[in-house]
Amino acid sequence: MDDSYLATDCDNKPQESCGVFGIFAPQEDAARLTFYGLLALQHRGQESAGIVSSDFKQVNSVKGMGLVNQVFTETKIKQLAGALAIGHTRYSTAGSSVIENAQPTLLDSSYGPLAVSHNGNLANYTELRQELLKKGHCLNSQIDSELIVRLVIEAHGRNLKQKLVNGLSQIKGAYSLIFLTKNKLYVVRDRWGIRPLILGQINGRGWVIASESTAIESVGGHVIREVKPGEFIEISYKGIETFHQLKSKSGGFCIFEYVYFSKPESIVNNKLVYSARLKSGQLLAREHPAQADYVISVPDSGTAAALGYAQESGIIFQEGLIKSRYVGRTFIQPTQRIRDLGVRLKFSPLQRFLKNKSIVLVDDSVVRGTTITQIIHLLREAGVKNIHLRIASPPFKNLCFLGIDVHRYDELIAQTHTGQEIMQKIGADSLGYLSLTGLKQAVGRVKHGLCTGCFNKKYPIV
């Protein structure tokens, strides 16, 4: 299946590397529950999906390009027998979008088959890859997940637990990992806790791990707690055991989980994401007021902030853009003309409400600026008189090496243009960003601190 797709609003947002899901549940169809869990994590990666399962005797794997429900038919799910499974939805941050780079990664080891699902990005991937190649190892993909498994396999240790600790001690970066063997799961989170990883229970006997709380709830589980930064967990018939704990580091959790990545109904660091977005809109209205007839959002990620802006400002919230639920990352090979029509196919303005009106248009973020420019053009065509663009996060000015696909400064409109230049380029009548102080206030206290490098170049890992 070709990996080109129809241009949509998602294409100009920073994309997450992936979503991970794992389950150890005797008496349950683990692969089917993993399929449901991956559906709940589809927003975190749309390029490929995969599941590896075990019935304690045999490990089976199914991976493919596309959305979760495109990859997994009923026949394929039935091929994945067993009470253990891990799954993955991918958006590439390391390695191109091809089937060889789909996860989970599965390799043979002296302990039998060893699979991993990984959310994050390794800052020292290139150096570690070169070291393995010099030692004569053959790497079959371009992804850091294969490198992680090979480091574990080659590490010193009398057992797999020791190999995990010693192998992962070599890597620097963001990693939320779920490993699968024939009869156990292992869960590891980097010491900064950069990417989320949640532990839950299902039916009193089973255990579930996922990138977001909503995925655990979607399979009938309930959240127990977050995996601690630096924690190593073993899950087996005996239950769960924390067998190693690295000293946690502060200032690591990605603030963009609250801005865009996580679902609004997810709970992250004991904070409902929706509440943080609503509060960010309220604070945005205080920092950048405007006179307008309506507040409208860029759906769906800008809606909570737009509601908050409307509540604080007293301006009526009005649906102004209707989002198609059936135009997404469609795996077709479009012409350039079809690419240009992407936003028109994705959004339809309610012209009757908008004509000759002044509006506050609220979005969660502006990174590259191409989609918001097209949306503003659509609204002008619908007869909107004045457009005051308000962004519920600070200017996105810096690169990310910890799991977001932003790798070039020339991609970032706030890095290459002044505020006035951005306003003119995108066609808005005014432009206001929420301050970093305001965003932090909206998010609230996070125990181990926040990574805000994309806004102020202050990263937890140098």
Protein backbone atom coordinates (compact mmCIF):
# COMPACT_ATOMS: atom_id res chain seq x y z
CA MET A 1 0.00 0.00 0.00
CA ASP A 2 1.43 3.36 -0.96
CA ASP A 3 2.34 5.61 1.94
CA SER A 4 1.37 8.92 0.36
CA TYR A 5 -1.83 10.43 1.65
CA LEU A 6 -4.34 13.19 1.35
CA ALA A 7 -3.12 16.42 2.92
CA THR A 8 -5.16 17.27 6.01
CA ASP A 9 -4.93 19.37 9.13
CA CYS A 10 -2.83 16.67 10.81
CA ASP A 11 -0.07 17.03 8.27
CA ASN A 12 0.98 20.44 9.52
CA LYS A 13 0.86 19.67 13.22
CA PRO A 14 3.83 18.08 14.94
CA GLN A 15 3.23 14.34 14.92
CA GLU A 16 3.82 11.91 17.76
CA SER A 17 6.03 8.91 17.21
CA CYS A 18 3.45 6.34 18.27
CA GLY A 19 1.11 4.77 20.75
CA VAL A 20 1.93 1.61 22.70
CA PHE A 21 -0.34 -0.95 24.33
CA GLY A 22 0.30 -4.17 26.21
CA ILE A 23 -1.79 -6.71 28.08
CA PHE A 24 -1.21 -9.77 30.27
CA ALA A 25 -4.62 -11.26 30.93
CA PRO A 26 -5.22 -15.00 31.46
CA GLN A 27 -8.62 -16.13 30.17
CA GLU A 28 -8.79 -13.14 27.80
CA ASP A 29 -8.35 -12.76 24.05
CA ALA A 30 -5.33 -10.49 24.43
CA ALA A 31 -4.90 -9.69 20.74
CA ARG A 32 -8.51 -8.59 20.34
CA LEU A 33 -8.26 -6.34 23.38
CA THR A 34 -5.00 -4.96 22.01
CA PHE A 35 -6.77 -4.22 18.73
CA TYR A 36 -9.38 -2.22 20.66
CA GLY A 37 -6.65 -0.48 22.63
CA LEU A 38 -4.84 0.52 19.45
CA LEU A 39 -8.05 1.98 18.05
CA ALA A 40 -8.13 4.24 21.10
CA LEU A 41 -4.51 5.25 20.35
CA GLN A 42 -4.98 5.75 16.60
CA HIS A 43 -4.46 9.50 16.95
CA ARG A 44 -0.87 8.89 18.05
CA GLY A 45 0.16 7.20 14.81
CA GLN A 46 -1.50 6.47 11.48
CA GLU A 47 1.29 5.14 9.26
CA SER A 48 1.38 1.54 10.46
CA ALA A 49 0.07 -0.76 13.15
CA GLY A 50 1.13 -4.08 14.61
CA ILE A 51 0.41 -6.68 17.28
CA VAL A 52 2.63 -9.43 18.69
CA SER A 53 0.97 -12.08 20.88
CA SER A 54 1.97 -15.16 22.86
CA ASP A 55 0.08 -18.23 24.11
CA PHE A 56 3.07 -19.15 26.34
CA LYS A 57 4.30 -21.55 23.66
CA GLN A 58 4.44 -19.59 20.42
CA VAL A 59 4.85 -15.93 19.57
CA ASN A 60 2.96 -14.56 16.55
CA SER A 61 3.16 -11.22 14.79
CA VAL A 62 0.95 -9.25 12.39
CA LYS A 63 1.99 -5.82 11.10
CA GLY A 64 0.91 -3.66 8.20
CA MET A 65 0.80 -0.18 6.73
CA GLY A 66 -2.26 1.93 7.35
CA LEU A 67 -4.81 2.49 10.08
CA VAL A 68 -5.53 -0.10 12.75
CA ASN A 69 -8.82 -1.24 11.23
CA GLN A 70 -7.17 -1.49 7.81
CA VAL A 71 -4.36 -3.71 9.06
CA PHE A 72 -6.39 -6.03 11.29
CA THR A 73 -9.16 -8.10 9.77
CA GLU A 74 -11.02 -10.71 11.80
CA THR A 75 -8.89 -13.40 10.17
CA LYS A 76 -5.66 -11.70 11.22
CA ILE A 77 -6.82 -11.16 14.78
CA LYS A 78 -7.63 -14.86 15.07
CA GLN A 79 -4.04 -15.65 14.06
CA LEU A 80 -2.85 -13.95 17.25
CA ALA A 81 -3.75 -16.42 19.98
CA GLY A 82 -2.80 -16.05 23.61
CA ALA A 83 -3.15 -14.16 26.87
CA LEU A 84 -0.18 -11.84 26.25
CA ALA A 85 0.05 -9.19 23.55
CA ILE A 86 1.69 -5.88 22.77
CA GLY A 87 0.65 -3.45 20.07
CA HIS A 88 1.81 -0.31 18.35
CA THR A 89 0.58 2.54 16.18
CA ARG A 90 3.35 4.40 14.41
CA TYR A 91 4.18 7.82 13.10
CA SER A 92 7.79 7.88 11.98
CA THR A 93 10.31 10.01 13.84
CA ALA A 94 13.25 7.71 13.06
CA GLY A 95 13.20 5.70 9.85
CA SER A 96 10.97 6.12 6.83
CA SER A 97 7.39 4.99 6.46
CA VAL A 98 7.81 1.44 5.15
CA ILE A 99 6.65 -1.95 6.40
CA GLU A 100 10.17 -2.88 7.55
CA ASN A 101 9.96 -0.07 10.10
CA ALA A 102 6.53 -1.02 11.46
CA GLN A 103 6.38 -2.15 15.08
CA PRO A 104 6.36 -4.09 17.37
CA THR A 105 9.92 -5.19 16.59
CA LEU A 106 10.39 -8.96 17.06
CA LEU A 107 13.80 -10.68 17.22
CA ASP A 108 15.19 -14.00 18.43
CA SER A 109 17.34 -14.05 21.55
CA SER A 110 18.89 -16.61 23.88
CA TYR A 111 15.70 -16.26 25.92
CA GLY A 112 13.48 -16.97 22.94
CA PRO A 113 11.48 -14.44 20.92
CA LEU A 114 11.75 -10.88 22.25
CA ALA A 115 9.43 -8.13 20.99
CA VAL A 116 9.16 -4.45 21.87
CA SER A 117 6.77 -1.55 21.32
CA HIS A 118 8.44 1.83 21.71
CA ASN A 119 7.16 5.37 22.07
CA GLY A 120 9.89 8.00 21.95
CA ASN A 121 13.12 8.77 20.16
CA LEU A 122 16.77 8.10 20.96
CA ALA A 123 19.04 11.14 20.92
CA ASN A 124 22.15 8.95 20.47
CA TYR A 125 20.66 6.57 17.90
CA THR A 126 23.28 7.26 15.21
CA GLU A 127 26.24 6.59 17.51
CA LEU A 128 24.73 3.38 18.90
CA ARG A 129 23.83 2.13 15.44
CA GLN A 130 27.39 2.70 14.20
CA GLU A 131 28.80 0.82 17.19
CA LEU A 132 26.57 -2.19 16.51
CA LEU A 133 27.46 -2.21 12.81
CA LYS A 134 31.18 -2.08 13.66
CA LYS A 135 30.68 -5.15 15.84
CA GLY A 136 29.22 -6.99 12.86
CA HIS A 137 25.54 -6.82 13.73
CA CYS A 138 23.06 -6.61 10.87
CA LEU A 139 20.19 -4.18 11.40
CA ASN A 140 17.12 -4.92 9.30
CA SER A 141 15.38 -1.57 9.74
CA GLN A 142 16.04 2.13 10.29
CA ILE A 143 14.12 2.39 13.55
CA ASP A 144 15.53 2.83 17.02
CA SER A 145 13.25 0.08 18.35
CA GLU A 146 15.29 -2.64 16.63
CA LEU A 147 18.44 -1.07 18.01
CA ILE A 148 16.94 -1.19 21.52
CA VAL A 149 16.21 -4.92 21.26
CA ARG A 150 19.69 -5.67 19.93
CA LEU A 151 21.30 -3.68 22.74
CA VAL A 152 19.33 -5.73 25.26
CA ILE A 153 20.21 -9.03 23.56
CA GLU A 154 23.93 -8.18 23.48
CA ALA A 155 24.11 -6.72 26.99
CA HIS A 156 25.84 -8.45 29.89
CA GLY A 157 23.64 -10.14 32.46
CA ARG A 158 22.77 -13.49 33.99
CA ASN A 159 19.10 -13.10 33.11
CA LEU A 160 16.83 -10.94 30.98
CA LYS A 161 16.17 -8.48 33.80
CA GLN A 162 19.88 -7.70 34.10
CA LYS A 163 20.22 -7.47 30.33
CA LEU A 164 17.36 -4.97 30.20
CA VAL A 165 18.97 -2.78 32.85
CA ASN A 166 22.45 -2.97 31.30
CA GLY A 167 21.32 -2.68 27.69
CA LEU A 168 19.04 0.30 28.26
CA SER A 169 21.70 2.09 30.30
CA GLN A 170 23.46 2.84 27.00
CA ILE A 171 20.65 4.84 25.46
CA LYS A 172 19.92 8.53 25.85
CA GLY A 173 16.56 9.94 24.94
CA ALA A 174 12.84 9.37 25.34
CA TYR A 175 11.53 5.85 25.67
CA SER A 176 8.35 4.27 26.95
CA LEU A 177 8.82 0.56 26.26
CA ILE A 178 6.77 -2.63 26.51
CA PHE A 179 8.69 -5.87 25.92
CA LEU A 180 7.06 -9.28 25.32
CA THR A 181 8.54 -12.74 25.80
CA LYS A 182 6.71 -16.06 25.60
CA ASN A 183 5.41 -15.74 29.15
CA LYS A 184 6.08 -12.24 30.49
CA LEU A 185 5.84 -8.54 29.80
CA TYR A 186 8.48 -5.98 30.79
CA VAL A 187 7.70 -2.29 31.04
CA VAL A 188 10.33 0.48 31.11
CA ARG A 189 10.14 4.27 31.10
CA ASP A 190 13.06 6.67 30.74
CA ARG A 191 14.22 8.49 33.86
CA TRP A 192 12.81 11.84 32.65
CA GLY A 193 9.34 10.42 31.99
CA ILE A 194 9.20 12.26 28.69
CA ARG A 195 6.43 10.19 27.09
CA PRO A 196 3.38 8.98 29.03
CA LEU A 197 2.96 5.36 30.12
CA ILE A 198 0.03 4.18 32.22
CA LEU A 199 -0.51 0.96 34.19
CA GLY A 200 -3.97 -0.50 34.66
CA GLN A 201 -5.79 -3.64 35.73
CA ILE A 202 -8.46 -5.66 33.97
CA ASN A 203 -10.93 -8.19 35.42
CA GLY A 204 -9.03 -8.35 38.69
CA ARG A 205 -6.36 -10.68 37.32
CA GLY A 206 -4.91 -9.06 34.25
CA TRP A 207 -2.68 -6.06 33.64
CA VAL A 208 -2.81 -3.41 30.93
CA ILE A 209 -0.21 -0.83 29.89
CA ALA A 210 -0.86 2.00 27.46
CA SER A 211 0.30 5.41 26.32
CA GLU A 212 -2.97 6.95 27.53
CA SER A 213 -5.55 6.20 30.20
CA THR A 214 -8.37 6.24 27.67
CA ALA A 215 -6.94 3.15 25.95
CA ILE A 216 -7.03 1.20 29.21
CA GLU A 217 -10.61 2.26 29.84
CA SER A 218 -11.61 1.35 26.27
CA VAL A 219 -10.94 -2.36 26.98
CA GLY A 220 -12.79 -2.38 30.30
CA GLY A 221 -9.74 -1.83 32.47
CA HIS A 222 -9.17 0.74 35.18
CA VAL A 223 -6.13 2.88 35.75
CA ILE A 224 -3.87 2.01 38.68
CA ARG A 225 -1.07 4.54 38.28
CA GLU A 226 1.53 5.94 35.93
CA VAL A 227 4.72 4.01 35.34
CA LYS A 228 7.31 6.03 37.25
CA PRO A 229 10.17 7.71 35.40
CA GLY A 230 13.10 5.28 35.43
CA GLU A 231 10.97 2.31 36.51
CA PHE A 232 11.49 -1.28 35.29
CA ILE A 233 8.46 -3.59 35.78
CA GLU A 234 8.01 -7.32 35.21
CA ILE A 235 4.47 -8.66 34.64
CA SER A 236 3.82 -12.40 34.94
CA TYR A 237 1.44 -14.90 36.54
CA LYS A 238 2.88 -13.77 39.87
CA GLY A 239 1.61 -10.23 39.27
CA ILE A 240 3.71 -7.10 38.84
CA GLU A 241 7.14 -6.43 40.29
CA THR A 242 9.29 -3.32 40.08
CA PHE A 243 12.73 -4.89 39.77
CA HIS A 244 14.82 -1.78 39.12
CA GLN A 245 14.43 1.95 39.60
CA LEU A 246 16.67 4.58 38.04
CA LYS A 247 16.98 7.90 39.79
CA SER A 248 14.35 10.09 38.17
CA LYS A 249 15.27 13.41 36.55
CA SER A 250 13.21 16.59 36.60
CA GLY A 251 11.88 18.73 33.79
CA GLY A 252 11.09 15.96 31.35
CA PHE A 253 7.39 15.43 30.61
CA CYS A 254 6.43 16.73 27.16
CA ILE A 255 4.13 19.72 27.57
CA PHE A 256 2.77 19.15 24.06
CA GLU A 257 0.86 16.12 25.36
CA TYR A 258 -1.49 18.67 26.94
CA VAL A 259 -1.50 21.00 23.94
CA TYR A 260 -2.20 18.50 21.16
CA PHE A 261 -1.02 14.88 21.38
CA SER A 262 -3.21 13.31 24.07
CA LYS A 263 -6.94 12.81 23.78
CA PRO A 264 -8.96 15.39 25.73
CA GLU A 265 -10.53 12.65 27.86
CA SER A 266 -7.16 11.23 28.90
CA ILE A 267 -5.76 11.86 32.36
CA VAL A 268 -2.08 12.78 32.31
CA ASN A 269 -0.15 13.37 35.55
CA ASN A 270 -3.49 13.31 37.40
CA LYS A 271 -4.76 16.14 35.19
CA LEU A 272 -7.64 15.82 32.72
CA VAL A 273 -6.26 17.00 29.38
CA TYR A 274 -9.57 18.67 28.51
CA SER A 275 -9.36 20.79 31.67
CA ALA A 276 -5.87 22.00 30.77
CA ARG A 277 -7.02 22.98 27.28
CA LEU A 278 -10.13 24.73 28.59
CA LYS A 279 -8.00 26.70 31.07
CA SER A 280 -5.50 27.60 28.36
CA GLY A 281 -8.32 29.19 26.37
CA GLN A 282 -9.48 31.18 29.38
CA LEU A 283 -5.97 32.50 30.00
CA LEU A 284 -5.55 33.22 26.29
CA ALA A 285 -8.64 35.46 26.42
CA ARG A 286 -7.10 37.40 29.30
CA GLU A 287 -3.75 37.80 27.57
CA HIS A 288 -5.11 38.57 24.09
CA PRO A 289 -8.67 39.94 24.16
CA ALA A 290 -10.49 40.76 20.94
CA GLN A 291 -13.76 42.29 19.83
CA ALA A 292 -15.76 39.82 17.76
CA ASP A 293 -19.21 38.40 17.12
CA TYR A 294 -18.20 34.76 17.61
CA VAL A 295 -15.46 32.52 18.89
CA ILE A 296 -14.92 29.49 16.65
CA SER A 297 -12.40 26.68 16.82
CA VAL A 298 -10.26 24.70 14.44
CA PRO A 299 -11.77 21.30 15.28
CA ASP A 300 -11.11 19.10 17.03
CA SER A 301 -7.93 19.94 18.90
CA GLY A 302 -8.73 23.64 19.23
CA THR A 303 -12.28 23.22 20.52
CA ALA A 304 -11.67 23.03 24.27
CA ALA A 305 -9.46 26.14 24.19
CA ALA A 306 -12.05 27.96 22.08
CA LEU A 307 -14.75 27.16 24.64
CA GLY A 308 -12.48 28.48 27.36
CA TYR A 309 -11.84 31.66 25.40
CA ALA A 310 -15.59 32.16 24.92
CA GLN A 311 -16.31 31.60 28.62
CA GLU A 312 -13.70 34.11 29.73
CA SER A 313 -14.41 36.76 27.08
CA GLY A 314 -18.20 36.53 27.07
CA ILE A 315 -18.19 36.20 23.28
CA ILE A 316 -20.59 33.57 21.92
CA PHE A 317 -19.01 30.24 20.95
CA GLN A 318 -20.26 29.19 17.51
CA GLU A 319 -19.47 26.16 15.40
CA GLY A 320 -18.00 27.69 12.28
CA LEU A 321 -16.04 24.87 10.70
CA ILE A 322 -17.58 21.43 10.27
CA LYS A 323 -14.95 18.70 10.13
CA SER A 324 -15.45 15.68 7.91
CA ARG A 325 -15.03 12.42 9.83
CA TYR A 326 -14.27 10.51 6.65
CA VAL A 327 -11.32 12.41 5.22
CA GLY A 328 -8.10 11.58 6.99
CA ARG A 329 -4.77 10.03 6.26
CA THR A 330 -6.13 8.20 3.24
CA PHE A 331 -3.52 5.97 1.61
CA ILE A 332 -3.89 7.11 -2.00
CA GLN A 333 -1.58 8.80 -4.44
CA PRO A 334 -3.12 12.22 -5.04
CA THR A 335 -2.27 14.77 -7.68
CA GLN A 336 -1.00 18.15 -6.54
CA ARG A 337 -4.45 19.60 -7.18
CA ILE A 338 -6.01 17.06 -4.82
CA ARG A 339 -3.39 17.89 -2.20
CA ASP A 340 -4.35 21.56 -2.49
CA LEU A 341 -7.99 20.59 -1.97
CA GLY A 342 -7.17 18.72 1.25
CA VAL A 343 -8.38 21.38 3.67
CA ARG A 344 -11.51 22.05 1.60
CA LEU A 345 -12.37 18.38 1.84
CA LYS A 346 -11.61 18.32 5.56
CA PHE A 347 -13.41 21.51 6.67
CA SER A 348 -16.67 23.13 5.59
CA PRO A 349 -17.43 26.66 6.85
CA LEU A 350 -20.97 27.52 7.98
CA GLN A 351 -21.32 30.50 5.68
CA ARG A 352 -24.79 31.53 6.90
CA PHE A 353 -23.44 32.17 10.40
CA LEU A 354 -20.11 33.64 9.35
CA LYS A 355 -20.86 36.07 6.53
CA ASN A 356 -20.01 39.67 7.45
CA LYS A 357 -19.01 38.62 10.98
CA SER A 358 -15.89 39.22 13.02
CA ILE A 359 -14.52 36.07 14.63
CA VAL A 360 -11.90 34.88 17.07
CA LEU A 361 -10.43 31.74 15.52
CA VAL A 362 -8.79 29.50 18.15
CA ASP A 363 -6.33 26.69 17.45
CA ASP A 364 -4.08 24.71 19.78
CA SER A 365 -0.83 25.46 17.94
CA VAL A 366 0.73 26.70 14.73
CA VAL A 367 3.86 24.90 13.63
CA ARG A 368 4.38 25.10 9.88
CA GLY A 369 1.50 27.47 9.17
CA THR A 370 0.29 26.01 5.88
CA THR A 371 -3.01 24.56 7.09
CA ILE A 372 -4.09 27.59 9.13
CA THR A 373 -3.40 29.74 6.07
CA GLN A 374 -5.75 27.60 3.99
CA ILE A 375 -8.40 27.64 6.72
CA ILE A 376 -8.29 31.42 6.93
CA HIS A 377 -8.62 31.58 3.14
CA LEU A 378 -11.71 29.35 3.37
CA LEU A 379 -13.23 31.60 6.00
CA ARG A 380 -12.57 34.70 3.88
CA GLU A 381 -14.36 33.01 0.97
CA ALA A 382 -17.29 32.37 3.33
CA GLY A 383 -17.54 36.12 3.90
CA VAL A 384 -15.89 36.53 7.30
CA LYS A 385 -15.08 40.21 7.83
CA ASN A 386 -12.36 40.05 10.51
CA ILE A 387 -10.33 37.08 11.74
CA HIS A 388 -8.48 37.34 15.05
CA LEU A 389 -6.31 34.25 15.32
CA ARG A 390 -5.58 33.09 18.86
CA ILE A 391 -3.21 30.21 19.59
CA ALA A 392 -3.49 28.33 22.90
CA SER A 393 0.26 27.73 23.19
CA PRO A 394 3.45 29.78 22.70
CA PRO A 395 5.22 30.12 19.32
CA PHE A 396 6.71 26.76 18.31
CA LYS A 397 10.27 27.87 17.53
CA ASN A 398 12.60 24.97 18.22
CA LEU A 399 13.38 21.44 17.11
CA CYS A 400 12.55 18.27 19.02
CA PHE A 401 14.79 15.22 19.25
CA LEU A 402 12.65 13.36 21.76
CA GLY A 403 9.77 11.95 19.76
CA ILE A 404 8.20 14.68 17.60
CA ASP A 405 8.74 14.85 13.85
CA VAL A 406 10.14 18.41 13.73
CA HIS A 407 13.74 18.28 12.58
CA ARG A 408 14.35 21.44 10.48
CA TYR A 409 14.20 25.05 11.55
CA ASP A 410 12.96 26.16 8.14
CA GLU A 411 9.76 24.17 8.78
CA LEU A 412 8.84 26.38 11.73
CA ILE A 413 6.97 29.54 10.80
CA ALA A 414 7.61 31.17 14.20
CA GLN A 415 11.35 30.60 13.78
CA THR A 416 11.56 32.17 10.33
CA HIS A 417 9.00 34.99 10.66
CA THR A 418 8.13 37.73 13.14
CA GLY A 419 4.64 37.87 14.58
CA GLN A 420 3.69 40.65 12.16
CA GLU A 421 5.07 38.66 9.23
CA ILE A 422 3.12 35.56 10.29
CA MET A 423 -0.08 37.59 10.54
CA GLN A 424 0.41 38.92 7.02
CA LYS A 425 1.47 35.56 5.60
CA ILE A 426 -1.53 33.63 6.92
CA GLY A 427 -4.03 36.43 6.28
CA ALA A 428 -5.23 37.14 9.84
CA ASP A 429 -6.24 40.58 11.11
CA SER A 430 -4.54 39.98 14.45
CA LEU A 431 -2.52 37.23 16.10
CA GLY A 432 -2.00 36.28 19.72
CA TYR A 433 -0.17 33.36 21.34
CA LEU A 434 -0.63 32.13 24.90
CA SER A 435 2.49 32.82 26.93
CA LEU A 436 4.56 29.96 28.31
CA THR A 437 3.68 31.17 31.80
CA GLY A 438 0.02 30.94 30.87
CA LEU A 439 0.37 27.45 29.41
CA LYS A 440 2.18 26.21 32.51
CA GLN A 441 -0.56 27.71 34.66
CA ALA A 442 -3.19 25.90 32.59
CA VAL A 443 -1.39 22.58 32.94
CA GLY A 444 -0.71 23.01 36.64
CA ARG A 445 1.96 21.36 38.75
CA VAL A 446 3.60 18.27 37.25
CA LYS A 447 5.62 16.27 39.79
CA HIS A 448 8.74 15.76 37.69
CA GLY A 449 8.47 18.99 35.69
CA LEU A 450 7.84 19.72 32.02
CA CYS A 451 9.91 19.71 28.85
CA THR A 452 9.26 23.01 27.08
CA GLY A 453 12.12 22.80 24.58
CA CYS A 454 9.93 23.37 21.52
CA PHE A 455 9.01 26.77 22.97
CA ASN A 456 12.13 27.95 24.81
CA LYS A 457 14.94 25.53 23.86
CA LYS A 458 15.20 24.17 27.42
CA TYR A 459 15.46 20.40 27.03
CA PRO A 460 15.85 17.81 29.80
CA ILE A 461 18.53 16.00 27.80
CA VAL A 462 21.41 17.92 26.22
